[in-house]
C-alpha atoms as a PDB file:
ATOM      1  CA  MET A   1      31.182 120.131 124.450  1.00  0.00           C
ATOM      2  CA  MET A   2      34.318 121.490 125.729  1.00  0.00           C
ATOM      3  CA  LYS A   3      34.577 123.351 129.030  1.00  0.00           C
ATOM      4  CA  THR A   4      36.814 125.364 130.918  1.00  0.00           C
ATOM      5  CA  PRO A   5      36.467 125.595 134.986  1.00  0.00           C
ATOM      6  CA  GLY A   6      34.409 128.500 136.374  1.00  0.00           C
ATOM      7  CA  SER A   7      33.653 130.242 139.230  1.00  0.00           C
ATOM      8  CA  ARG A   8      32.202 128.353 142.345  1.00  0.00           C
ATOM      9  CA  GLY A   9      32.945 125.014 140.869  1.00  0.00           C
ATOM     10  CA  GLN A  10      30.804 125.543 137.710  1.00  0.00           C
ATOM     11  CA  ALA A  11      32.026 124.684 134.340  1.00  0.00           C
ATOM     12  CA  GLN A  12      31.450 127.130 131.274  1.00  0.00           C
ATOM     13  CA  GLN A  13      31.364 126.393 127.777  1.00  0.00           C
ATOM     14  CA  VAL A  14      33.436 127.456 125.631  1.00  0.00           C
ATOM     15  CA  TYR A  15      32.468 125.812 122.542  1.00  0.00           C
ATOM     16  CA  PHE A  16      29.338 124.384 120.449  1.00  0.00           C
ATOM     17  CA  SER A  17      29.645 121.063 118.281  1.00  0.00           C
ATOM     18  CA  PHE A  18      27.614 121.594 115.289  1.00  0.00           C
ATOM     19  CA  ALA A  19      25.107 119.083 116.907  1.00  0.00           C
ATOM     20  CA  GLU A  20      24.762 121.221 120.139  1.00  0.00           C
ATOM     21  CA  LEU A  21      24.249 124.138 117.680  1.00  0.00           C
ATOM     22  CA  ALA A  22      21.492 122.093 115.281  1.00  0.00           C
ATOM     23  CA  GLU A  23      19.538 121.341 118.779  1.00  0.00           C
ATOM     24  CA  ARG A  24      20.259 125.177 120.025  1.00  0.00           C
ATOM     25  CA  TRP A  25      18.932 126.671 116.817  1.00  0.00           C
ATOM     26  CA  ARG A  26      16.165 123.655 115.987  1.00  0.00           C
ATOM     27  CA  CYS A  27      17.465 123.049 112.764  1.00  0.00           C
ATOM     28  CA  SER A  28      19.627 120.751 110.738  1.00  0.00           C
ATOM     29  CA  ARG A  29      23.376 119.947 111.120  1.00  0.00           C
ATOM     30  CA  SER A  30      24.021 120.876 107.448  1.00  0.00           C
ATOM     31  CA  THR A  31      22.149 124.102 107.902  1.00  0.00           C
ATOM     32  CA  VAL A  32      24.340 125.116 110.503  1.00  0.00           C
ATOM     33  CA  TYR A  33      27.253 124.354 108.390  1.00  0.00           C
ATOM     34  CA  ASN A  34      25.577 126.908 105.896  1.00  0.00           C
ATOM     35  CA  ARG A  35      24.772 129.617 108.440  1.00  0.00           C
ATOM     36  CA  LEU A  36      28.337 129.395 109.799  1.00  0.00           C
ATOM     37  CA  ARG A  37      29.632 129.750 106.038  1.00  0.00           C
ATOM     38  CA  SER A  38      27.399 132.384 105.473  1.00  0.00           C
ATOM     39  CA  VAL A  39      28.791 134.823 107.944  1.00  0.00           C
ATOM     40  CA  GLY A  40      32.396 133.558 107.689  1.00  0.00           C
ATOM     41  CA  ALA A  41      32.559 132.233 111.256  1.00  0.00           C
ATOM     42  CA  GLU A  42      35.769 130.777 112.162  1.00  0.00           C
ATOM     43  CA  VAL A  43      35.424 126.741 112.775  1.00  0.00           C
ATOM     44  CA  LEU A  44      38.311 124.766 114.622  1.00  0.00           C
ATOM     45  CA  ASP A  45      38.178 121.289 113.036  1.00  0.00           C
ATOM     46  CA  PHE A  46      39.967 118.403 114.921  1.00  0.00           C
ATOM     47  CA  SER A  47      40.769 115.988 111.775  1.00  0.00           C
ATOM     48  CA  SER A  48      43.089 116.206 108.960  1.00  0.00           C
ATOM     49  CA  ARG A  49      42.322 118.034 105.812  1.00  0.00           C
ATOM     50  CA  GLY A  50      39.860 116.396 104.039  1.00  0.00           C
ATOM     51  CA  LYS A  51      38.821 113.602 106.768  1.00  0.00           C
ATOM     52  CA  LYS A  52      35.582 113.762 108.792  1.00  0.00           C
ATOM     53  CA  GLY A  53      36.258 115.006 112.590  1.00  0.00           C
ATOM     54  CA  LYS A  54      34.830 116.855 115.498  1.00  0.00           C
ATOM     55  CA  LYS A  55      34.182 120.351 114.349  1.00  0.00           C
ATOM     56  CA  VAL A  56      33.136 123.355 117.335  1.00  0.00           C
ATOM     57  CA  VAL A  57      32.551 127.094 117.189  1.00  0.00           C
ATOM     58  CA  ARG A  58      33.675 129.341 119.953  1.00  0.00           C
ATOM     59  CA  VAL A  59      30.417 130.327 122.182  1.00  0.00           C
ATOM     60  CA  SER A  60      31.582 134.245 121.538  1.00  0.00           C
ATOM     61  CA  THR A  61      31.181 133.403 117.773  1.00  0.00           C
ATOM     62  CA  VAL A  62      27.736 132.141 118.401  1.00  0.00           C
ATOM     63  CA  LEU A  63      26.429 134.866 120.537  1.00  0.00           C
ATOM     64  CA  VAL A  64      27.541 137.514 117.904  1.00  0.00           C
ATOM     65  CA  ILE A  65      25.654 135.350 115.054  1.00  0.00           C
ATOM     66  CA  GLU A  66      22.320 135.362 117.232  1.00  0.00           C
ATOM     67  CA  ALA A  67      22.446 138.783 118.385  1.00  0.00           C
ATOM     68  CA  LYS A  68      22.672 139.879 114.609  1.00  0.00           C
ATOM     69  CA  ARG A  69      19.483 137.308 113.725  1.00  0.00           C
ATOM     70  CA  LEU A  70      17.581 138.660 116.934  1.00  0.00           C
ATOM     71  CA  ARG A  71      14.192 140.394 116.183  1.00  0.00           C
ATOM     72  CA  ARG A  72      12.370 142.519 117.960  1.00  0.00           C
ATOM     73  CA  LEU A  73       8.626 141.456 118.375  1.00  0.00           C
ATOM     74  CA  GLY A  74       6.121 144.075 118.885  1.00  0.00           C
END
């Protein structure tokens, strides 16, 4: 979880890791990967090409995806 300083000493989250998204969306990390790939989301990868490494997605991207998938009940 990467954070930047916010107002009044609180930290504001800027990126979500795949593990955090899996917990937030209550699914597996592979499902997170598939959902992000299906919408063409931009993923920031901290590893060399072809290597395993930390991957993160901007909070703004996640909020757009969630808004599109939101369904109204009632």
